[in-house]
Protein backbone atom coordinates (compact mmCIF):
# COMPACT_ATOMS: atom_id res chain seq x y z
CA UNK A 1 123.11 118.20 21.89
CA UNK A 2 120.43 118.85 19.28
CA UNK A 3 117.47 116.61 20.04
CA UNK A 4 114.75 115.39 17.70
CA UNK A 5 111.05 115.43 18.53
CA UNK A 6 109.78 111.91 19.28
CA UNK A 7 106.41 110.22 19.34
CA UNK A 8 104.86 106.78 19.02
CA UNK A 9 101.42 107.32 17.50
CA UNK A 10 101.89 109.91 14.76
CA UNK A 11 104.30 112.57 13.56
CA UNK A 12 104.40 115.36 10.97
CA UNK A 13 107.00 117.88 9.86
CA UNK A 14 106.40 121.00 7.76
CA UNK A 15 108.16 124.33 7.09
CA UNK A 16 105.30 126.13 8.87
CA UNK A 17 104.22 124.97 12.32
CA UNK A 18 100.48 125.26 11.66
CA UNK A 19 100.71 122.77 8.78
CA UNK A 20 102.42 120.19 10.98
CA UNK A 21 99.80 120.79 13.66
CA UNK A 22 96.96 120.40 11.13
CA UNK A 23 98.33 116.98 10.18
CA UNK A 24 98.71 115.96 13.81
CA UNK A 25 95.14 117.00 14.67
CA UNK A 26 93.82 114.81 11.86
CA UNK A 27 95.79 111.80 13.12
CA UNK A 28 94.51 112.42 16.66
CA UNK A 29 91.00 112.18 15.25
CA UNK A 30 91.75 108.78 13.72
CA UNK A 31 92.97 109.93 10.33
CA UNK A 32 95.73 108.16 8.46
CA UNK A 33 98.93 109.61 7.00
CA UNK A 34 97.33 110.47 3.65
CA UNK A 35 94.43 112.29 5.27
CA UNK A 36 96.87 114.11 7.53
CA UNK A 37 98.99 115.16 4.57
CA UNK A 38 95.98 116.56 2.70
CA UNK A 39 95.23 118.72 5.74
CA UNK A 40 98.86 119.83 5.92
CA UNK A 41 98.98 120.54 2.17
CA UNK A 42 95.87 122.68 2.29
CA UNK A 43 97.08 124.57 5.35
CA UNK A 44 100.56 125.27 4.00
CA UNK A 45 99.02 126.59 0.76
CA UNK A 46 97.35 129.30 2.87
CA UNK A 47 99.95 130.06 5.55
CA UNK A 48 103.04 130.06 3.27
CA UNK A 49 101.59 131.72 0.14
CA UNK A 50 104.92 132.92 -1.24
CA UNK A 51 106.25 129.34 -1.34
CA UNK A 52 103.30 127.34 -2.69
CA UNK A 53 99.59 127.38 -3.41
CA UNK A 54 96.70 125.52 -5.01
CA UNK A 55 97.63 127.06 -8.37
CA UNK A 56 100.83 124.97 -8.50
CA UNK A 57 101.99 121.36 -8.87
CA UNK A 58 102.70 118.58 -6.35
CA UNK A 59 104.38 115.19 -6.11
CA UNK A 60 103.86 112.47 -3.51
CA UNK A 61 105.57 109.29 -2.32
CA UNK A 62 103.24 106.98 -0.45
CA UNK A 63 104.41 103.97 1.59
CA UNK A 64 102.81 101.23 3.67
CA UNK A 65 105.05 98.74 5.52
CA UNK A 66 105.66 95.58 3.53
CA UNK A 67 104.51 97.10 0.26
CA UNK A 68 106.27 98.90 -2.57
CA UNK A 69 105.97 102.69 -2.44
CA UNK A 70 103.84 104.45 -5.01
CA UNK A 71 104.14 107.92 -6.45
CA UNK A 72 101.51 110.53 -7.29
CA UNK A 73 102.46 112.82 -10.15
CA UNK A 74 100.25 115.90 -9.97
CA UNK A 75 102.04 117.87 -12.65
CA UNK A 76 100.17 120.01 -15.14
CA UNK A 77 100.99 120.02 -18.86
CA UNK A 78 101.40 122.98 -21.18
CA UNK A 79 98.25 124.49 -22.62
CA UNK A 80 96.99 123.16 -25.95
CA UNK A 81 97.61 126.62 -27.42
CA UNK A 82 101.07 127.04 -25.90
CA UNK A 83 103.62 126.94 -28.69
CA UNK A 84 106.58 128.85 -30.03
CA UNK A 85 104.26 130.42 -32.61
CA UNK A 86 101.83 131.56 -29.88
CA UNK A 87 104.64 133.44 -28.15
CA UNK A 88 106.07 134.86 -31.39
CA UNK A 89 102.63 136.28 -32.19
CA UNK A 90 102.92 138.23 -28.91
CA UNK A 91 106.42 139.49 -29.64
CA UNK A 92 108.16 136.98 -27.38
CA UNK A 93 111.06 135.32 -29.17
CA UNK A 94 113.83 134.89 -26.60
CA UNK A 95 112.72 133.17 -23.43
CA UNK A 96 109.34 132.90 -21.74
CA UNK A 97 108.90 135.69 -19.15
CA UNK A 98 108.87 134.67 -15.48
CA UNK A 99 105.77 136.69 -14.61
CA UNK A 100 102.33 137.50 -15.97
CA UNK A 101 99.73 135.63 -17.96
CA UNK A 102 102.20 134.46 -20.59
CA UNK A 103 104.10 132.63 -17.80
CA UNK A 104 100.90 130.93 -16.59
CA UNK A 105 100.98 128.38 -19.40
CA UNK A 106 100.66 125.02 -17.59
CA UNK A 107 97.71 123.48 -15.76
CA UNK A 108 97.94 123.58 -11.96
CA UNK A 109 98.15 119.96 -10.78
CA UNK A 110 98.24 120.33 -7.00
CA UNK A 111 94.54 119.83 -6.34
CA UNK A 112 94.47 116.69 -8.49
CA UNK A 113 97.21 115.32 -6.23
CA UNK A 114 95.07 115.95 -3.17
CA UNK A 115 92.16 114.27 -4.94
CA UNK A 116 94.16 111.13 -5.76
CA UNK A 117 95.58 111.03 -2.23
CA UNK A 118 92.03 111.30 -0.84
CA UNK A 119 90.95 108.31 -2.94
CA UNK A 120 93.99 106.29 -1.80
CA UNK A 121 93.30 107.20 1.83
CA UNK A 122 90.00 105.32 1.60
CA UNK A 123 91.95 102.15 0.77
CA UNK A 124 93.79 102.69 4.06
CA UNK A 125 90.45 102.84 5.88
CA UNK A 126 90.19 106.62 5.89
CA UNK A 127 86.83 108.05 6.92
CA UNK A 128 87.32 111.74 7.57
CA UNK A 129 85.36 113.95 5.17
CA UNK A 130 87.03 116.41 2.86
CA UNK A 131 85.32 119.22 4.76
CA UNK A 132 87.31 118.25 7.86
CA UNK A 133 90.62 117.93 6.02
CA UNK A 134 90.33 121.45 4.59
CA UNK A 135 88.92 123.02 7.75
CA UNK A 136 92.16 124.44 9.14
CA UNK A 137 93.12 125.95 5.79
CA UNK A 138 89.69 127.55 5.42
CA UNK A 139 89.94 129.01 8.93
CA UNK A 140 93.37 130.53 8.33
CA UNK A 141 92.31 131.96 4.96
CA UNK A 142 89.17 133.54 6.38
CA UNK A 143 90.38 134.73 9.79
CA UNK A 144 93.98 135.42 8.86
CA UNK A 145 97.51 134.26 9.51
CA UNK A 146 100.41 135.94 11.24
CA UNK A 147 102.75 137.06 8.46
CA UNK A 148 106.14 135.35 8.71
CA UNK A 149 109.44 137.07 8.17
CA UNK A 150 109.89 134.84 5.11
CA UNK A 151 106.64 136.07 3.54
CA UNK A 152 107.33 139.70 4.35
CA UNK A 153 110.85 139.48 2.91
CA UNK A 154 109.76 137.70 -0.29
CA UNK A 155 106.90 140.18 -0.82
CA UNK A 156 109.20 143.16 -0.34
CA UNK A 157 112.06 141.94 -2.52
CA UNK A 158 109.81 140.84 -5.40
CA UNK A 159 107.32 143.70 -5.18
CA UNK A 160 108.56 145.67 -8.18
CA UNK A 161 108.16 142.80 -10.64
CA UNK A 162 104.98 141.36 -9.12
CA UNK A 163 102.89 144.45 -8.32
CA UNK A 164 101.95 145.09 -11.98
CA UNK A 165 100.71 141.52 -12.50
CA UNK A 166 96.93 140.93 -12.75
CA UNK A 167 95.37 140.61 -9.30
CA UNK A 168 98.63 140.46 -7.36
CA UNK A 169 98.40 143.75 -5.48
CA UNK A 170 94.82 143.10 -4.38
CA UNK A 171 95.76 139.70 -2.98
CA UNK A 172 99.19 140.25 -1.44
CA UNK A 173 99.54 144.00 -0.81
CA UNK A 174 96.72 144.82 1.61
CA UNK A 175 96.11 148.56 1.72
CA UNK A 176 98.71 148.85 -1.04
CA UNK A 177 101.69 147.96 1.14
CA UNK A 178 103.88 144.95 1.91
CA UNK A 179 102.35 143.22 4.95
CA UNK A 180 104.60 143.58 7.99
CA UNK A 181 105.99 140.60 9.84
CA UNK A 182 103.53 139.64 12.57
CA UNK A 183 100.58 141.44 10.99
CA UNK A 184 97.32 139.63 10.17
CA UNK A 185 96.94 138.60 6.54
CA UNK A 186 93.56 137.37 5.24
CA UNK A 187 92.58 135.62 2.01
CA UNK A 188 88.75 135.64 1.89
CA UNK A 189 88.50 134.55 -1.77
CA UNK A 190 90.76 131.58 -1.06
CA UNK A 191 88.57 130.64 1.91
CA UNK A 192 85.51 130.57 -0.34
CA UNK A 193 87.32 128.58 -3.05
CA UNK A 194 88.40 125.95 -0.51
CA UNK A 195 84.84 125.81 0.88
CA UNK A 196 83.54 125.23 -2.63
CA UNK A 197 86.01 122.37 -3.14
CA UNK A 198 85.15 120.88 0.25
CA UNK A 199 81.43 120.89 -0.63
CA UNK A 200 81.57 119.80 -4.23
CA UNK A 201 84.73 117.72 -4.40
CA UNK A 202 88.27 118.44 -5.55
CA UNK A 203 87.49 117.56 -9.18
CA UNK A 204 85.59 120.85 -9.31
CA UNK A 205 88.91 122.61 -9.72
CA UNK A 206 89.12 121.16 -13.24
CA UNK A 207 85.53 120.63 -14.27
CA UNK A 208 82.50 122.72 -13.33
CA UNK A 209 81.68 126.26 -12.26
CA UNK A 210 84.97 126.96 -10.49
CA UNK A 211 86.97 125.69 -13.47
CA UNK A 212 84.98 127.91 -15.86
CA UNK A 213 85.58 130.92 -13.63
CA UNK A 214 89.33 130.27 -13.51
CA UNK A 215 89.50 129.74 -17.27
CA UNK A 216 87.81 133.11 -17.85
CA UNK A 217 90.17 134.89 -15.48
CA UNK A 218 93.23 133.17 -16.95
CA UNK A 219 92.23 134.30 -20.43
CA UNK A 220 91.70 137.85 -19.16
CA UNK A 221 95.23 137.78 -17.73
CA UNK A 222 96.70 136.74 -21.08
CA UNK A 223 97.27 133.04 -20.35
CA UNK A 224 96.94 130.45 -23.16
CA UNK A 225 95.14 128.01 -20.80
CA UNK A 226 91.50 127.14 -21.53
CA UNK A 227 88.70 125.22 -19.86
CA UNK A 228 89.56 122.27 -22.12
CA UNK A 229 93.10 122.18 -20.74
CA UNK A 230 91.76 122.08 -17.19
CA UNK A 231 89.19 119.39 -18.00
CA UNK A 232 91.79 117.15 -19.64
CA UNK A 233 94.08 117.09 -16.61
CA UNK A 234 94.42 114.04 -14.37
CA UNK A 235 96.96 113.14 -11.69
CA UNK A 236 98.85 109.91 -12.32
CA UNK A 237 99.99 107.00 -10.18
CA UNK A 238 103.63 106.30 -11.04
CA UNK A 239 106.26 103.77 -10.03
CA UNK A 240 109.07 105.50 -8.12
CA UNK A 241 112.70 105.22 -9.11
CA UNK A 242 114.71 102.92 -6.83
CA UNK A 243 118.35 103.00 -5.70
CA UNK A 244 119.89 99.99 -3.97
CA UNK A 245 122.24 101.71 -1.52
CA UNK A 246 124.51 99.69 0.78
CA UNK A 247 122.46 100.85 3.79
CA UNK A 248 118.95 101.19 2.37
CA UNK A 249 116.65 101.11 -0.62
CA UNK A 250 115.96 104.71 -1.52
CA UNK A 251 113.00 105.90 -3.59
CA UNK A 252 112.30 109.11 -5.49
CA UNK A 253 110.08 110.34 -8.31
CA UNK A 254 110.79 109.66 -12.00
CA UNK A 255 111.00 112.36 -14.71
CA UNK A 256 109.84 115.02 -15.35
CA UNK A 257 111.26 115.53 -11.82
CA UNK A 258 114.95 115.54 -11.00
CA UNK A 259 114.46 112.65 -8.57
CA UNK A 260 117.06 110.62 -10.45
CA UNK A 261 119.63 113.33 -9.60
CA UNK A 262 119.00 112.90 -5.87
CA UNK A 263 119.44 109.15 -6.18
CA UNK A 264 122.53 109.41 -8.38
CA UNK A 265 124.29 111.66 -5.86
CA UNK A 266 123.67 109.16 -3.07
CA UNK A 267 124.70 106.24 -5.26
CA UNK A 268 127.96 107.95 -6.23
CA UNK A 269 128.74 108.85 -2.60
CA UNK A 270 128.08 105.26 -1.57
CA UNK A 271 130.43 104.01 -4.29
CA UNK A 272 133.08 106.49 -3.08
CA UNK A 273 132.85 105.14 0.49
CA UNK A 274 131.54 108.35 2.02
CA UNK A 275 131.26 106.67 5.44
CA UNK A 276 135.08 106.70 5.66
CA UNK A 277 135.35 110.50 5.74
CA UNK A 278 134.43 112.77 8.63
CA UNK A 279 130.91 114.12 8.96
CA UNK A 280 132.21 117.70 9.30
CA UNK A 281 135.22 117.34 7.02
CA UNK A 282 136.00 119.23 3.80
CA UNK A 283 136.28 115.81 2.12
CA UNK A 284 132.56 115.17 2.76
CA UNK A 285 131.50 118.47 1.20
CA UNK A 286 133.95 118.15 -1.69
CA UNK A 287 132.88 114.61 -2.64
CA UNK A 288 129.20 115.55 -2.35
CA UNK A 289 129.68 118.59 -4.59
CA UNK A 290 131.63 116.57 -7.17
CA UNK A 291 128.98 113.83 -7.14
CA UNK A 292 126.40 116.56 -7.71
CA UNK A 293 128.25 117.80 -10.80
CA UNK A 294 128.21 114.29 -12.28
CA UNK A 295 124.49 113.88 -11.57
CA UNK A 296 123.62 117.34 -12.92
CA UNK A 297 125.39 116.50 -16.18
CA UNK A 298 123.02 113.54 -16.62
CA UNK A 299 120.04 115.74 -15.73
CA UNK A 300 120.89 118.52 -18.12
CA UNK A 301 121.42 116.13 -21.04
CA UNK A 302 118.45 113.86 -20.53
CA UNK A 303 115.74 114.74 -17.98
CA UNK A 304 112.52 116.16 -19.41
CA UNK A 305 108.94 114.99 -19.98
CA UNK A 306 109.33 111.17 -20.13
CA UNK A 307 107.24 111.09 -23.31
CA UNK A 308 110.19 112.81 -25.01
CA UNK A 309 112.97 110.72 -23.45
CA UNK A 310 114.67 107.80 -25.17
CA UNK A 311 116.26 106.34 -22.01
CA UNK A 312 114.54 104.95 -18.92
CA UNK A 313 115.83 106.92 -15.95
CA UNK A 314 115.98 103.76 -13.83
CA UNK A 315 118.83 102.45 -16.02
CA UNK A 316 121.07 105.31 -14.84
CA UNK A 317 120.85 103.84 -11.33
CA UNK A 318 122.41 100.51 -12.34
CA UNK A 319 125.47 99.76 -10.15
CA UNK A 320 127.88 99.73 -13.11
CA UNK A 321 126.73 103.15 -14.35
CA UNK A 322 127.06 104.60 -10.85
CA UNK A 323 130.59 103.18 -10.52
CA UNK A 324 131.50 104.79 -13.83
CA UNK A 325 130.28 108.18 -12.60
CA UNK A 326 132.06 107.75 -9.26
CA UNK A 327 135.31 107.01 -11.11
CA UNK A 328 135.12 110.49 -12.69
CA UNK A 329 135.26 112.19 -9.28
CA UNK A 330 138.67 113.58 -8.41
CA UNK A 331 139.02 113.50 -4.60
CA UNK A 332 141.75 116.14 -4.73
CA UNK A 333 140.39 118.71 -7.19
CA UNK A 334 137.13 120.41 -8.10
CA UNK A 335 135.97 119.80 -11.64
CA UNK A 336 134.72 122.66 -13.88
CA UNK A 337 131.16 123.81 -13.26
CA UNK A 338 128.76 125.60 -15.59
CA UNK A 339 125.37 127.15 -14.94
CA UNK A 340 122.67 125.64 -12.78
CA UNK A 341 118.92 125.57 -13.21
CA UNK A 342 116.78 128.62 -12.41
CA UNK A 343 115.89 129.10 -8.72
CA UNK A 344 112.61 127.86 -7.28
CA UNK A 345 110.41 128.09 -4.19
CA UNK A 346 108.73 125.01 -2.77
CA UNK A 347 107.51 123.30 0.40
CA UNK A 348 108.32 119.72 1.45
CA UNK A 349 106.38 117.91 4.21
CA UNK A 350 106.41 114.45 5.77
CA UNK A 351 103.88 112.43 7.77
CA UNK A 352 104.06 108.98 9.41
CA UNK A 353 101.05 107.48 11.22
CA UNK A 354 100.72 104.85 13.97
CA UNK A 355 100.63 102.00 11.41
CA UNK A 356 103.98 103.10 9.98
CA UNK A 357 102.37 104.40 6.79
CA UNK A 358 104.43 107.26 5.44
CA UNK A 359 103.92 110.14 3.01
CA UNK A 360 106.63 112.37 1.56
CA UNK A 361 105.12 115.29 -0.36
CA UNK A 362 106.24 118.45 -2.12
CA UNK A 363 104.22 121.25 -3.74
CA UNK A 364 105.24 124.46 -5.42
CA UNK A 365 104.41 127.55 -7.49
CA UNK A 366 107.98 127.52 -8.95
CA UNK A 367 109.25 131.10 -8.36
CA UNK A 368 108.14 133.13 -5.34
CA UNK A 369 104.40 133.77 -5.86
CA UNK A 370 104.55 131.90 -9.20
CA UNK A 371 103.44 133.93 -12.20
CA UNK A 372 102.00 136.55 -9.86
CA UNK A 373 98.65 136.19 -11.60
CA UNK A 374 95.87 136.03 -9.00
CA UNK A 375 92.53 135.10 -10.50
CA UNK A 376 89.79 137.66 -9.88
CA UNK A 377 86.94 135.46 -8.60
CA UNK A 378 88.70 132.49 -7.01
CA UNK A 379 91.78 134.22 -5.60
CA UNK A 380 94.00 131.43 -6.97
CA UNK A 381 97.60 132.45 -7.63
CA UNK A 382 98.84 130.57 -10.73
CA UNK A 383 102.22 128.92 -11.05
CA UNK A 384 104.91 129.89 -13.58
CA UNK A 385 106.42 126.41 -13.94
CA UNK A 386 106.07 126.67 -17.71
CA UNK A 387 108.56 129.54 -17.94
CA UNK A 388 111.18 126.77 -17.68
CA UNK A 389 110.27 125.68 -21.22
CA UNK A 390 112.60 126.78 -23.99
CA UNK A 391 111.48 128.43 -27.24
CA UNK A 392 114.53 126.97 -28.99
CA UNK A 393 113.46 123.93 -31.06
CA UNK A 394 116.85 122.31 -30.39
CA UNK A 395 116.53 122.52 -26.62
CA UNK A 396 115.85 119.47 -24.46
CA UNK A 397 112.87 121.18 -22.81
CA UNK A 398 111.37 122.76 -25.94
CA UNK A 399 107.80 124.00 -25.48
CA UNK A 400 105.12 121.92 -27.15
CA UNK A 401 101.35 121.88 -26.52
CA UNK A 402 100.49 119.29 -23.88
CA UNK A 403 104.13 118.74 -22.85
CA UNK A 404 105.05 118.51 -19.17
CA UNK A 405 107.76 120.87 -17.94
CA UNK A 406 110.97 119.76 -16.27
CA UNK A 407 110.58 119.85 -12.48
CA UNK A 408 113.23 120.51 -9.88
CA UNK A 409 110.65 119.11 -7.46
CA UNK A 410 111.42 115.69 -6.01
CA UNK A 411 110.57 113.93 -2.80
CA UNK A 412 112.37 111.07 -1.07
CA UNK A 413 111.78 107.98 1.05
CA UNK A 414 114.24 105.36 2.33
CA UNK A 415 113.67 101.86 3.71
CA UNK A 416 116.80 100.91 5.67
CA UNK A 417 118.29 97.45 5.86
CA UNK A 418 117.99 97.64 9.68
CA UNK A 419 114.20 98.14 9.57
CA UNK A 420 114.02 101.93 9.84
CA UNK A 421 111.94 104.04 7.46
CA UNK A 422 112.76 107.63 6.62
CA UNK A 423 110.94 110.36 4.71
CA UNK A 424 112.92 113.49 3.93
CA UNK A 425 113.08 116.40 1.51
CA UNK A 426 113.51 120.13 1.04
CA UNK A 427 112.69 123.14 -1.13
CA UNK A 428 115.13 124.92 -3.37
CA UNK A 429 115.89 124.34 -7.08
CA UNK A 430 119.42 123.00 -7.51
CA UNK A 431 119.62 122.67 -3.74
CA UNK A 432 116.97 119.97 -3.41
CA UNK A 433 119.06 116.92 -4.38
CA UNK A 434 122.12 118.31 -2.56
CA UNK A 435 120.31 118.87 0.72
CA UNK A 436 118.65 115.49 0.39
CA UNK A 437 122.11 113.91 0.06
CA UNK A 438 123.36 115.80 3.13
CA UNK A 439 120.39 114.86 5.31
CA UNK A 440 120.33 111.20 4.26
CA UNK A 441 124.10 110.72 4.60
CA UNK A 442 124.22 112.40 8.00
CA UNK A 443 121.52 110.06 9.29
CA UNK A 444 122.51 106.87 7.45
CA UNK A 445 126.31 107.02 7.31
CA UNK A 446 127.23 109.33 10.19
CA UNK A 447 124.54 108.39 12.74
CA UNK A 448 123.05 111.82 13.39
CA UNK A 449 119.48 112.13 14.57
CA UNK A 450 117.01 113.79 12.14
CA UNK A 451 117.08 117.19 13.87
CA UNK A 452 120.87 117.31 13.98
CA UNK A 453 121.06 116.21 10.34
CA UNK A 454 118.68 118.97 9.23
CA UNK A 455 120.23 121.69 11.42
CA UNK A 456 123.88 120.97 10.54
CA UNK A 457 125.73 123.48 8.30
CA UNK A 458 124.86 123.06 4.63
CA UNK A 459 126.27 123.85 1.23
CA UNK A 460 124.70 124.47 -2.15
CA UNK A 461 126.23 124.42 -5.61
CA UNK A 462 124.21 126.47 -8.09
CA UNK A 463 120.90 128.22 -7.62
CA UNK A 464 118.03 128.18 -5.19
CA UNK A 465 115.17 130.54 -4.38
CA UNK A 466 116.22 134.19 -4.14
CA UNK A 467 119.64 133.48 -5.73
CA UNK A 468 120.92 133.41 -9.29
CA UNK A 469 124.68 132.90 -8.81
CA UNK A 470 126.33 129.53 -9.47
CA UNK A 471 128.97 129.60 -6.75
CA UNK A 472 129.44 126.96 -4.05
CA UNK A 473 127.47 128.59 -1.25
CA UNK A 474 128.36 127.52 2.30
CA UNK A 475 126.99 128.61 5.64
CA UNK A 476 129.37 130.52 7.89
CA UNK A 477 129.03 127.89 10.63
CA UNK A 478 131.49 125.64 8.77
CA UNK A 479 134.88 125.90 10.49
CA UNK A 480 137.30 128.22 8.74
CA UNK A 481 139.61 125.33 8.04
CA UNK A 482 136.91 123.58 6.04
CA UNK A 483 136.32 126.66 3.88
CA UNK A 484 140.03 127.14 3.28
CA UNK A 485 140.43 123.49 2.29
CA UNK A 486 137.50 123.73 -0.15
CA UNK A 487 139.05 126.82 -1.71
CA UNK A 488 142.36 125.03 -2.16
CA UNK A 489 140.52 122.18 -3.90
CA UNK A 490 139.35 124.70 -6.50
CA UNK A 491 135.81 125.56 -5.37
CA UNK A 492 134.54 129.13 -5.80
CA UNK A 493 133.23 129.78 -2.29
CA UNK A 494 130.48 132.21 -1.28
CA UNK A 495 129.93 132.40 2.49
CA UNK A 496 126.33 132.97 3.64
CA UNK A 497 124.74 133.53 7.05
CA UNK A 498 124.86 130.93 9.84
CA UNK A 499 121.32 129.65 9.21
CA UNK A 500 120.57 131.02 5.76
CA UNK A 501 117.12 130.55 4.23
CA UNK A 502 118.83 130.32 0.83
CA UNK A 503 119.78 126.78 1.87
CA UNK A 504 116.12 125.80 1.76
CA UNK A 505 113.67 124.40 4.27
CA UNK A 506 114.42 120.74 4.90
CA UNK A 507 112.81 118.15 7.13
CA UNK A 508 113.09 114.47 8.01
CA UNK A 509 111.21 111.76 9.91
CA UNK A 510 112.63 108.38 10.93
CA UNK A 511 110.46 105.48 12.09
CA UNK A 512 112.44 102.97 14.11
CA UNK A 513 111.71 99.21 14.13
CA UNK A 514 110.21 99.49 17.64
CA UNK A 515 107.66 102.02 16.38
CA UNK A 516 109.32 105.14 17.81
CA UNK A 517 108.93 108.16 15.51
CA UNK A 518 111.63 110.82 15.41
CA UNK A 519 111.59 114.04 13.41
CA UNK A 520 113.55 117.17 12.63
CA UNK A 521 112.39 120.53 11.22
CA UNK A 522 114.56 123.20 9.66
CA UNK A 523 115.53 126.13 11.91
CA UNK A 524 115.91 128.13 8.67
CA UNK A 525 112.12 127.96 8.22
CA UNK A 526 109.01 128.67 10.29
CA UNK A 527 108.52 124.95 10.64
CA UNK A 528 108.03 122.42 13.37
CA UNK A 529 107.69 118.76 14.14
CA UNK A 530 104.37 117.79 15.70
CA UNK A 531 104.13 114.35 17.33
CA UNK A 532 102.15 112.42 19.90
């Protein structure tokens, strides 16, 4: 039996244990779920630096019982100078490079998300000062963290392409070498930057002395971003997308995220009667993969910056449209599959407090260590989300100044018909909506507890962090009969390790109608559930 962690007063889950503990400590001191999540977000930015950081983007779903959820879109737009012509002038005519200053072409939105969450926390009666919420992160940055196997592996495997980037070696290769697992890793410049934000307010990241310093260092690294780009940035409150499932109302973020993909997969599976197949059967995996192909086709034709879209993503979630997509699924044969999206690294975290208020949050640098550009004075590592833009004028995601990039990031929340609430999510490019569908379905349709749902064997069609192949990847823990059956259905199978980090770092929290909180963290990560 795989048991979940339970509590009654507060609970947090994160892919690194110290982030979950930071959130729990804040709730023990009287903080609400938003305050707790800010503490977790700051801590994870320090202790899992290969997966996320304050130089990236973030998205939030925020829920209070009896009220409609709200979303925070903390996504930075392309620089005002970023254009096809700008890249051509630098000899770049194919695709935007993944690394270096030319990849650091979008504003980092993460801190603006923290700032908006801090303002919203006051409406929930929050009183803890920003200095307290950032305290754990500052401590870990100054005094050091124990390097995880995940960080050591990512640093080693990406060293050749990242070491030449401005500031990378100084920040992430202490004494010129990859830090060993279990060694102490310090980030003194990050500690000072977080202290500055705690003293002067989070808006200082975009306007003021810190912003000017970052703009100078970005320019020196060859980025098109300027102080005007930083000053113009604001996080946005957005209305989440909504799927009426037979068992729950499920929410996710609108474009430029792929939240609609996560909802479409669940809608298609519901229309196919997924509850009638076995939880460990090849039919479950096959139908989920085929539903994913239908949803990805919608994504790849339509999802981009909403300012450039002609269709409201919510209309794709209409029951009739979902039935039409479900009708295209062949239960006996795999349909053709093309290429997926580029891989991505990310962290997802969830918090629920004693009032049942819930936060589902995700933040990312895109690829491992982002652009690899670490700013000289502030120590901020900048994201490379903008390398997903195309330089082809006919492409859906064509680069334009001020345009928001397409985001694989999405974060989920479900309000069940029986009174339960669930926050859940994961990291991992193409894998995010697929793992979300697995975790939700295992809890909602098959009755697994959150820990069992997260720990169970997973699959992934397409690409995630550290992988570029587009096979159907499955963990070796699936019974051999399942793998054989999937092969006979026409799937190109690639068998991975039993608990493979390629499958992402998922998590889930369920709040029951009686107030009991139950959570599961991913054994593939360094994460934990912290509850009291």
